[in-house]
């Protein structure tokens, strides 16, 4: 299933949506950056998603898998849509 969305994990606590957008914009136009935070503490959970306008941009961004970002070795994968419960 083609996707223009990537999943990122092992993100450092200091990361912001702006930093992610700045870092990944070299791969293509970004439509959304989503960092997940704990509902109670508002602390970052260490993972998030980036949606590109084009599938090819998301594929290029996979080059960052295992690379250092803000001193953390991050994981970058294609995002998989969750199936809705019936």
PDB file of N, CA and C in Angstrom:
ATOM      1  N   UNK A   1       0.840  -1.183   0.000  1.00  0.00           N
ATOM      2  CA  UNK A   1       0.000   0.000   0.000  1.00  0.00           C
ATOM      3  C   UNK A   1       0.884   1.244   0.000  1.00  0.00           C
ATOM      4  N   UNK A   2       0.843   2.069  -1.018  1.00  0.00           N
ATOM      5  CA  UNK A   2       1.676   3.268  -1.102  1.00  0.00           C
ATOM      6  C   UNK A   2       1.344   4.251   0.022  1.00  0.00           C
ATOM      7  N   UNK A   3       2.377   4.932   0.474  1.00  0.00           N
ATOM      8  CA  UNK A   3       2.176   5.888   1.561  1.00  0.00           C
ATOM      9  C   UNK A   3       3.108   7.075   1.394  1.00  0.00           C
ATOM     10  N   UNK A   4       2.635   8.230   1.818  1.00  0.00           N
ATOM     11  CA  UNK A   4       3.473   9.421   1.808  1.00  0.00           C
ATOM     12  C   UNK A   4       3.761   9.867   3.241  1.00  0.00           C
ATOM     13  N   UNK A   5       3.608   8.919   4.183  1.00  0.00           N
ATOM     14  CA  UNK A   5       3.768   9.222   5.600  1.00  0.00           C
ATOM     15  C   UNK A   5       4.849   8.325   6.198  1.00  0.00           C
ATOM     16  N   UNK A   6       5.742   8.934   7.003  1.00  0.00           N
ATOM     17  CA  UNK A   6       6.779   8.164   7.679  1.00  0.00           C
ATOM     18  C   UNK A   6       6.561   8.200   9.185  1.00  0.00           C
ATOM     19  N   UNK A   7       7.079   7.171   9.838  1.00  0.00           N
ATOM     20  CA  UNK A   7       7.042   7.028  11.290  1.00  0.00           C
ATOM     21  C   UNK A   7       8.469   7.206  11.791  1.00  0.00           C
ATOM     22  N   UNK A   8       8.644   7.984  12.849  1.00  0.00           N
ATOM     23  CA  UNK A   8       9.959   8.217  13.434  1.00  0.00           C
ATOM     24  C   UNK A   8       9.926   7.833  14.901  1.00  0.00           C
ATOM     25  N   UNK A   9      10.978   7.165  15.376  1.00  0.00           N
ATOM     26  CA  UNK A   9      11.047   6.889  16.810  1.00  0.00           C
ATOM     27  C   UNK A   9      12.479   7.046  17.301  1.00  0.00           C
ATOM     28  N   UNK A  10      12.618   6.994  18.611  1.00  0.00           N
ATOM     29  CA  UNK A  10      13.869   7.267  19.312  1.00  0.00           C
ATOM     30  C   UNK A  10      14.258   8.739  19.158  1.00  0.00           C
ATOM     31  N   UNK A  11      13.241   9.584  19.116  1.00  0.00           N
ATOM     32  CA  UNK A  11      13.485  11.024  19.022  1.00  0.00           C
ATOM     33  C   UNK A  11      13.878  11.565  20.400  1.00  0.00           C
ATOM     34  N   UNK A  12      14.817  12.500  20.448  1.00  0.00           N
ATOM     35  CA  UNK A  12      15.233  13.060  21.734  1.00  0.00           C
ATOM     36  C   UNK A  12      14.147  13.955  22.333  1.00  0.00           C
ATOM     37  N   UNK A  13      14.144  14.117  23.657  1.00  0.00           N
ATOM     38  CA  UNK A  13      13.143  14.947  24.323  1.00  0.00           C
ATOM     39  C   UNK A  13      13.157  16.409  23.858  1.00  0.00           C
ATOM     40  N   UNK A  14      14.279  16.864  23.351  1.00  0.00           N
ATOM     41  CA  UNK A  14      14.406  18.265  22.936  1.00  0.00           C
ATOM     42  C   UNK A  14      13.830  18.549  21.551  1.00  0.00           C
ATOM     43  N   UNK A  15      13.380  17.520  20.847  1.00  0.00           N
ATOM     44  CA  UNK A  15      12.904  17.711  19.477  1.00  0.00           C
ATOM     45  C   UNK A  15      11.595  18.511  19.467  1.00  0.00           C
ATOM     46  N   UNK A  16      11.437  19.300  18.400  1.00  0.00           N
ATOM     47  CA  UNK A  16      10.201  20.053  18.183  1.00  0.00           C
ATOM     48  C   UNK A  16       9.708  19.760  16.772  1.00  0.00           C
ATOM     49  N   UNK A  17       8.449  20.085  16.525  1.00  0.00           N
ATOM     50  CA  UNK A  17       7.909  19.902  15.177  1.00  0.00           C
ATOM     51  C   UNK A  17       8.686  20.755  14.179  1.00  0.00           C
ATOM     52  N   UNK A  18       9.073  21.955  14.600  1.00  0.00           N
ATOM     53  CA  UNK A  18       9.830  22.853  13.710  1.00  0.00           C
ATOM     54  C   UNK A  18      11.182  22.249  13.340  1.00  0.00           C
ATOM     55  N   UNK A  19      11.877  21.642  14.306  1.00  0.00           N
ATOM     56  CA  UNK A  19      13.174  21.018  14.018  1.00  0.00           C
ATOM     57  C   UNK A  19      13.032  19.846  13.055  1.00  0.00           C
ATOM     58  N   UNK A  20      11.995  19.038  13.261  1.00  0.00           N
ATOM     59  CA  UNK A  20      11.757  17.911  12.345  1.00  0.00           C
ATOM     60  C   UNK A  20      11.468  18.406  10.940  1.00  0.00           C
ATOM     61  N   UNK A  21      10.627  19.417  10.839  1.00  0.00           N
ATOM     62  CA  UNK A  21      10.275  19.949   9.521  1.00  0.00           C
ATOM     63  C   UNK A  21      11.513  20.507   8.828  1.00  0.00           C
ATOM     64  N   UNK A  22      12.332  21.233   9.568  1.00  0.00           N
ATOM     65  CA  UNK A  22      13.559  21.801   8.994  1.00  0.00           C
ATOM     66  C   UNK A  22      14.496  20.696   8.509  1.00  0.00           C
ATOM     67  N   UNK A  23      14.622  19.637   9.282  1.00  0.00           N
ATOM     68  CA  UNK A  23      15.538  18.547   8.945  1.00  0.00           C
ATOM     69  C   UNK A  23      15.055  17.719   7.754  1.00  0.00           C
ATOM     70  N   UNK A  24      13.751  17.445   7.679  1.00  0.00           N
ATOM     71  CA  UNK A  24      13.228  16.541   6.650  1.00  0.00           C
ATOM     72  C   UNK A  24      12.719  17.250   5.394  1.00  0.00           C
ATOM     73  N   UNK A  25      12.683  18.567   5.388  1.00  0.00           N
ATOM     74  CA  UNK A  25      12.165  19.287   4.221  1.00  0.00           C
ATOM     75  C   UNK A  25      13.054  19.103   2.989  1.00  0.00           C
ATOM     76  N   UNK A  26      14.306  18.700   3.177  1.00  0.00           N
ATOM     77  CA  UNK A  26      15.191  18.476   2.031  1.00  0.00           C
ATOM     78  C   UNK A  26      14.713  17.305   1.165  1.00  0.00           C
ATOM     79  N   UNK A  27      13.840  16.465   1.697  1.00  0.00           N
ATOM     80  CA  UNK A  27      13.349  15.317   0.947  1.00  0.00           C
ATOM     81  C   UNK A  27      12.068  15.620   0.169  1.00  0.00           C
ATOM     82  N   UNK A  28      11.445  16.737   0.479  1.00  0.00           N
ATOM     83  CA  UNK A  28      10.244  17.118  -0.247  1.00  0.00           C
ATOM     84  C   UNK A  28       9.326  17.971   0.612  1.00  0.00           C
ATOM     85  N   UNK A  29       8.239  18.413   0.001  1.00  0.00           N
ATOM     86  CA  UNK A  29       7.289  19.274   0.693  1.00  0.00           C
ATOM     87  C   UNK A  29       6.531  18.487   1.758  1.00  0.00           C
ATOM     88  N   UNK A  30       6.476  19.059   2.956  1.00  0.00           N
ATOM     89  CA  UNK A  30       5.824  18.424   4.091  1.00  0.00           C
ATOM     90  C   UNK A  30       4.468  19.080   4.322  1.00  0.00           C
ATOM     91  N   UNK A  31       3.440  18.245   4.515  1.00  0.00           N
ATOM     92  CA  UNK A  31       2.110  18.783   4.784  1.00  0.00           C
ATOM     93  C   UNK A  31       1.760  18.739   6.265  1.00  0.00           C
ATOM     94  N   UNK A  32       2.390  17.795   7.020  1.00  0.00           N
ATOM     95  CA  UNK A  32       2.072  17.694   8.447  1.00  0.00           C
ATOM     96  C   UNK A  32       3.225  17.054   9.209  1.00  0.00           C
ATOM     97  N   UNK A  33       3.495  17.594  10.401  1.00  0.00           N
ATOM     98  CA  UNK A  33       4.438  17.001  11.342  1.00  0.00           C
ATOM     99  C   UNK A  33       3.662  16.784  12.634  1.00  0.00           C
ATOM    100  N   UNK A  34       3.735  15.571  13.153  1.00  0.00           N
ATOM    101  CA  UNK A  34       2.976  15.234  14.352  1.00  0.00           C
ATOM    102  C   UNK A  34       3.906  14.561  15.360  1.00  0.00           C
ATOM    103  N   UNK A  35       4.115  15.223  16.505  1.00  0.00           N
ATOM    104  CA  UNK A  35       4.874  14.652  17.613  1.00  0.00           C
ATOM    105  C   UNK A  35       3.891  14.225  18.680  1.00  0.00           C
ATOM    106  N   UNK A  36       4.040  13.024  19.184  1.00  0.00           N
ATOM    107  CA  UNK A  36       3.114  12.552  20.213  1.00  0.00           C
ATOM    108  C   UNK A  36       3.650  12.873  21.603  1.00  0.00           C
ATOM    109  N   UNK A  37       2.752  13.368  22.460  1.00  0.00           N
ATOM    110  CA  UNK A  37       3.117  13.728  23.825  1.00  0.00           C
ATOM    111  C   UNK A  37       2.189  13.012  24.809  1.00  0.00           C
ATOM    112  N   UNK A  38       2.691  12.815  26.019  1.00  0.00           N
ATOM    113  CA  UNK A  38       1.901  12.204  27.076  1.00  0.00           C
ATOM    114  C   UNK A  38       0.771  13.152  27.463  1.00  0.00           C
ATOM    115  N   UNK A  39      -0.427  12.635  27.569  1.00  0.00           N
ATOM    116  CA  UNK A  39      -1.596  13.481  27.866  1.00  0.00           C
ATOM    117  C   UNK A  39      -1.495  14.171  29.219  1.00  0.00           C
ATOM    118  N   UNK A  40      -0.959  13.471  30.195  1.00  0.00           N
ATOM    119  CA  UNK A  40      -0.887  14.035  31.551  1.00  0.00           C
ATOM    120  C   UNK A  40       0.297  14.972  31.736  1.00  0.00           C
ATOM    121  N   UNK A  41       1.487  14.510  31.363  1.00  0.00           N
ATOM    122  CA  UNK A  41       2.699  15.293  31.630  1.00  0.00           C
ATOM    123  C   UNK A  41       3.064  16.262  30.507  1.00  0.00           C
ATOM    124  N   UNK A  42       2.507  16.044  29.327  1.00  0.00           N
ATOM    125  CA  UNK A  42       2.822  16.838  28.124  1.00  0.00           C
ATOM    126  C   UNK A  42       4.267  16.633  27.661  1.00  0.00           C
ATOM    127  N   UNK A  43       4.935  15.621  28.210  1.00  0.00           N
ATOM    128  CA  UNK A  43       6.304  15.305  27.807  1.00  0.00           C
ATOM    129  C   UNK A  43       6.277  14.515  26.499  1.00  0.00           C
ATOM    130  N   UNK A  44       7.245  14.759  25.621  1.00  0.00           N
ATOM    131  CA  UNK A  44       7.296  14.019  24.357  1.00  0.00           C
ATOM    132  C   UNK A  44       7.455  12.516  24.602  1.00  0.00           C
ATOM    133  N   UNK A  45       6.783  11.716  23.789  1.00  0.00           N
ATOM    134  CA  UNK A  45       6.862  10.258  23.906  1.00  0.00           C
ATOM    135  C   UNK A  45       8.044   9.680  23.133  1.00  0.00           C
ATOM    136  N   UNK A  46       8.688  10.501  22.297  1.00  0.00           N
ATOM    137  CA  UNK A  46       9.860  10.026  21.565  1.00  0.00           C
ATOM    138  C   UNK A  46       9.566   9.489  20.185  1.00  0.00           C
ATOM    139  N   UNK A  47       8.327   9.701  19.723  1.00  0.00           N
ATOM    140  CA  UNK A  47       8.022   9.271  18.358  1.00  0.00           C
ATOM    141  C   UNK A  47       6.999  10.203  17.722  1.00  0.00           C
ATOM    142  N   UNK A  48       6.896  10.083  16.394  1.00  0.00           N
ATOM    143  CA  UNK A  48       5.974  10.950  15.679  1.00  0.00           C
ATOM    144  C   UNK A  48       5.862  10.540  14.216  1.00  0.00           C
ATOM    145  N   UNK A  49       5.185  11.390  13.455  1.00  0.00           N
ATOM    146  CA  UNK A  49       4.921  11.121  12.040  1.00  0.00           C
ATOM    147  C   UNK A  49       5.173  12.375  11.217  1.00  0.00           C
ATOM    148  N   UNK A  50       5.591  12.173   9.984  1.00  0.00           N
ATOM    149  CA  UNK A  50       5.720  13.271   9.018  1.00  0.00           C
ATOM    150  C   UNK A  50       4.992  12.835   7.754  1.00  0.00           C
ATOM    151  N   UNK A  51       4.132  13.718   7.255  1.00  0.00           N
ATOM    152  CA  UNK A  51       3.409  13.448   6.018  1.00  0.00           C
ATOM    153  C   UNK A  51       3.944  14.368   4.930  1.00  0.00           C
ATOM    154  N   UNK A  52       4.340  13.777   3.816  1.00  0.00           N
ATOM    155  CA  UNK A  52       4.842  14.518   2.666  1.00  0.00           C
ATOM    156  C   UNK A  52       3.736  14.624   1.617  1.00  0.00           C
ATOM    157  N   UNK A  53       3.893  15.563   0.678  1.00  0.00           N
ATOM    158  CA  UNK A  53       2.912  15.664  -0.404  1.00  0.00           C
ATOM    159  C   UNK A  53       3.058  14.516  -1.393  1.00  0.00           C
ATOM    160  N   UNK A  54       4.272  13.955  -1.500  1.00  0.00           N
ATOM    161  CA  UNK A  54       4.520  12.900  -2.485  1.00  0.00           C
ATOM    162  C   UNK A  54       5.096  11.644  -1.836  1.00  0.00           C
ATOM    163  N   UNK A  55       4.678  10.511  -2.336  1.00  0.00           N
ATOM    164  CA  UNK A  55       5.192   9.228  -1.857  1.00  0.00           C
ATOM    165  C   UNK A  55       6.707   9.129  -2.056  1.00  0.00           C
ATOM    166  N   UNK A  56       7.201   9.658  -3.162  1.00  0.00           N
ATOM    167  CA  UNK A  56       8.639   9.586  -3.446  1.00  0.00           C
ATOM    168  C   UNK A  56       9.454  10.344  -2.395  1.00  0.00           C
ATOM    169  N   UNK A  57       8.904  11.405  -1.845  1.00  0.00           N
ATOM    170  CA  UNK A  57       9.590  12.162  -0.796  1.00  0.00           C
ATOM    171  C   UNK A  57       9.713  11.329   0.471  1.00  0.00           C
ATOM    172  N   UNK A  58       8.649  10.627   0.828  1.00  0.00           N
ATOM    173  CA  UNK A  58       8.679   9.757   2.008  1.00  0.00           C
ATOM    174  C   UNK A  58       9.717   8.652   1.820  1.00  0.00           C
ATOM    175  N   UNK A  59       9.780   8.096   0.623  1.00  0.00           N
ATOM    176  CA  UNK A  59      10.751   7.040   0.343  1.00  0.00           C
ATOM    177  C   UNK A  59      12.182   7.558   0.478  1.00  0.00           C
ATOM    178  N   UNK A  60      12.430   8.780   0.000  1.00  0.00           N
ATOM    179  CA  UNK A  60      13.766   9.381   0.129  1.00  0.00           C
ATOM    180  C   UNK A  60      14.123   9.620   1.589  1.00  0.00           C
ATOM    181  N   UNK A  61      13.137   9.994   2.404  1.00  0.00           N
ATOM    182  CA  UNK A  61      13.376  10.285   3.815  1.00  0.00           C
ATOM    183  C   UNK A  61      13.816   9.051   4.592  1.00  0.00           C
ATOM    184  N   UNK A  62      13.536   7.870   4.057  1.00  0.00           N
ATOM    185  CA  UNK A  62      13.961   6.632   4.715  1.00  0.00           C
ATOM    186  C   UNK A  62      15.481   6.544   4.826  1.00  0.00           C
ATOM    187  N   UNK A  63      16.195   7.367   4.066  1.00  0.00           N
ATOM    188  CA  UNK A  63      17.664   7.416   4.134  1.00  0.00           C
ATOM    189  C   UNK A  63      18.138   7.825   5.525  1.00  0.00           C
ATOM    190  N   UNK A  64      17.278   8.469   6.295  1.00  0.00           N
ATOM    191  CA  UNK A  64      17.653   8.927   7.630  1.00  0.00           C
ATOM    192  C   UNK A  64      17.580   7.820   8.684  1.00  0.00           C
ATOM    193  N   UNK A  65      17.072   6.651   8.313  1.00  0.00           N
ATOM    194  CA  UNK A  65      16.979   5.548   9.259  1.00  0.00           C
ATOM    195  C   UNK A  65      18.367   5.183   9.782  1.00  0.00           C
ATOM    196  N   UNK A  66      18.495   5.159  11.110  1.00  0.00           N
ATOM    197  CA  UNK A  66      19.767   4.803  11.732  1.00  0.00           C
ATOM    198  C   UNK A  66      20.765   5.943  11.808  1.00  0.00           C
ATOM    199  N   UNK A  67      20.394   7.109  11.308  1.00  0.00           N
ATOM    200  CA  UNK A  67      21.298   8.266  11.323  1.00  0.00           C
ATOM    201  C   UNK A  67      21.120   9.057  12.623  1.00  0.00           C
ATOM    202  N   UNK A  68      22.106   9.852  12.936  1.00  0.00           N
ATOM    203  CA  UNK A  68      22.065  10.672  14.142  1.00  0.00           C
ATOM    204  C   UNK A  68      21.240  11.943  13.896  1.00  0.00           C
ATOM    205  N   UNK A  69      20.329  12.215  14.815  1.00  0.00           N
ATOM    206  CA  UNK A  69      19.521  13.435  14.784  1.00  0.00           C
ATOM    207  C   UNK A  69      19.462  13.966  16.209  1.00  0.00           C
ATOM    208  N   UNK A  70      20.024  15.126  16.432  1.00  0.00           N
ATOM    209  CA  UNK A  70      20.114  15.717  17.770  1.00  0.00           C
ATOM    210  C   UNK A  70      20.726  14.725  18.761  1.00  0.00           C
ATOM    211  N   UNK A  71      21.786  14.071  18.315  1.00  0.00           N
ATOM    212  CA  UNK A  71      22.575  13.136  19.110  1.00  0.00           C
ATOM    213  C   UNK A  71      21.881  11.811  19.414  1.00  0.00           C
ATOM    214  N   UNK A  72      20.753  11.529  18.796  1.00  0.00           N
ATOM    215  CA  UNK A  72      20.080  10.228  18.929  1.00  0.00           C
ATOM    216  C   UNK A  72      20.082   9.527  17.585  1.00  0.00           C
ATOM    217  N   UNK A  73      20.273   8.214  17.601  1.00  0.00           N
ATOM    218  CA  UNK A  73      20.160   7.426  16.380  1.00  0.00           C
ATOM    219  C   UNK A  73      18.678   7.119  16.199  1.00  0.00           C
ATOM    220  N   UNK A  74      18.075   7.727  15.183  1.00  0.00           N
ATOM    221  CA  UNK A  74      16.627   7.610  15.008  1.00  0.00           C
ATOM    222  C   UNK A  74      16.246   6.468  14.067  1.00  0.00           C
ATOM    223  N   UNK A  75      15.029   6.001  14.230  1.00  0.00           N
ATOM    224  CA  UNK A  75      14.457   4.998  13.341  1.00  0.00           C
ATOM    225  C   UNK A  75      13.436   5.697  12.451  1.00  0.00           C
ATOM    226  N   UNK A  76      13.526   5.462  11.153  1.00  0.00           N
ATOM    227  CA  UNK A  76      12.591   6.047  10.194  1.00  0.00           C
ATOM    228  C   UNK A  76      12.035   4.911   9.343  1.00  0.00           C
ATOM    229  N   UNK A  77      10.705   4.774   9.342  1.00  0.00           N
ATOM    230  CA  UNK A  77      10.035   3.725   8.583  1.00  0.00           C
ATOM    231  C   UNK A  77       8.802   4.299   7.908  1.00  0.00           C
ATOM    232  N   UNK A  78       8.306   3.577   6.912  1.00  0.00           N
ATOM    233  CA  UNK A  78       7.025   3.970   6.324  1.00  0.00           C
ATOM    234  C   UNK A  78       5.955   3.729   7.381  1.00  0.00           C
ATOM    235  N   UNK A  79       5.041   4.674   7.500  1.00  0.00           N
ATOM    236  CA  UNK A  79       3.938   4.537   8.464  1.00  0.00           C
ATOM    237  C   UNK A  79       2.931   3.534   7.934  1.00  0.00           C
ATOM    238  N   UNK A  80       2.377   2.756   8.832  1.00  0.00           N
ATOM    239  CA  UNK A  80       1.353   1.778   8.483  1.00  0.00           C
ATOM    240  C   UNK A  80       0.058   2.229   9.142  1.00  0.00           C
ATOM    241  N   UNK A  81      -0.975   2.358   8.324  1.00  0.00           N
ATOM    242  CA  UNK A  81      -2.276   2.788   8.839  1.00  0.00           C
ATOM    243  C   UNK A  81      -2.864   1.698   9.727  1.00  0.00           C
ATOM    244  N   UNK A  82      -3.380   2.106  10.872  1.00  0.00           N
ATOM    245  CA  UNK A  82      -4.052   1.149  11.750  1.00  0.00           C
ATOM    246  C   UNK A  82      -5.401   0.777  11.135  1.00  0.00           C
ATOM    247  N   UNK A  83      -5.763  -0.468  11.287  1.00  0.00           N
ATOM    248  CA  UNK A  83      -7.085  -0.912  10.838  1.00  0.00           C
ATOM    249  C   UNK A  83      -8.089  -0.489  11.881  1.00  0.00           C
ATOM    250  N   UNK A  84      -9.223  -0.010  11.428  1.00  0.00           N
ATOM    251  CA  UNK A  84     -10.258   0.384  12.373  1.00  0.00           C
ATOM    252  C   UNK A  84     -10.941  -0.851  12.938  1.00  0.00           C
ATOM    253  N   UNK A  85     -11.310  -0.762  14.216  1.00  0.00           N
ATOM    254  CA  UNK A  85     -11.994  -1.875  14.860  1.00  0.00           C
ATOM    255  C   UNK A  85     -13.444  -1.920  14.397  1.00  0.00           C
ATOM    256  N   UNK A  86     -13.936  -3.130  14.190  1.00  0.00           N
ATOM    257  CA  UNK A  86     -15.318  -3.274  13.733  1.00  0.00           C
ATOM    258  C   UNK A  86     -16.163  -3.886  14.811  1.00  0.00           C
TER     259      UNK A  86
END
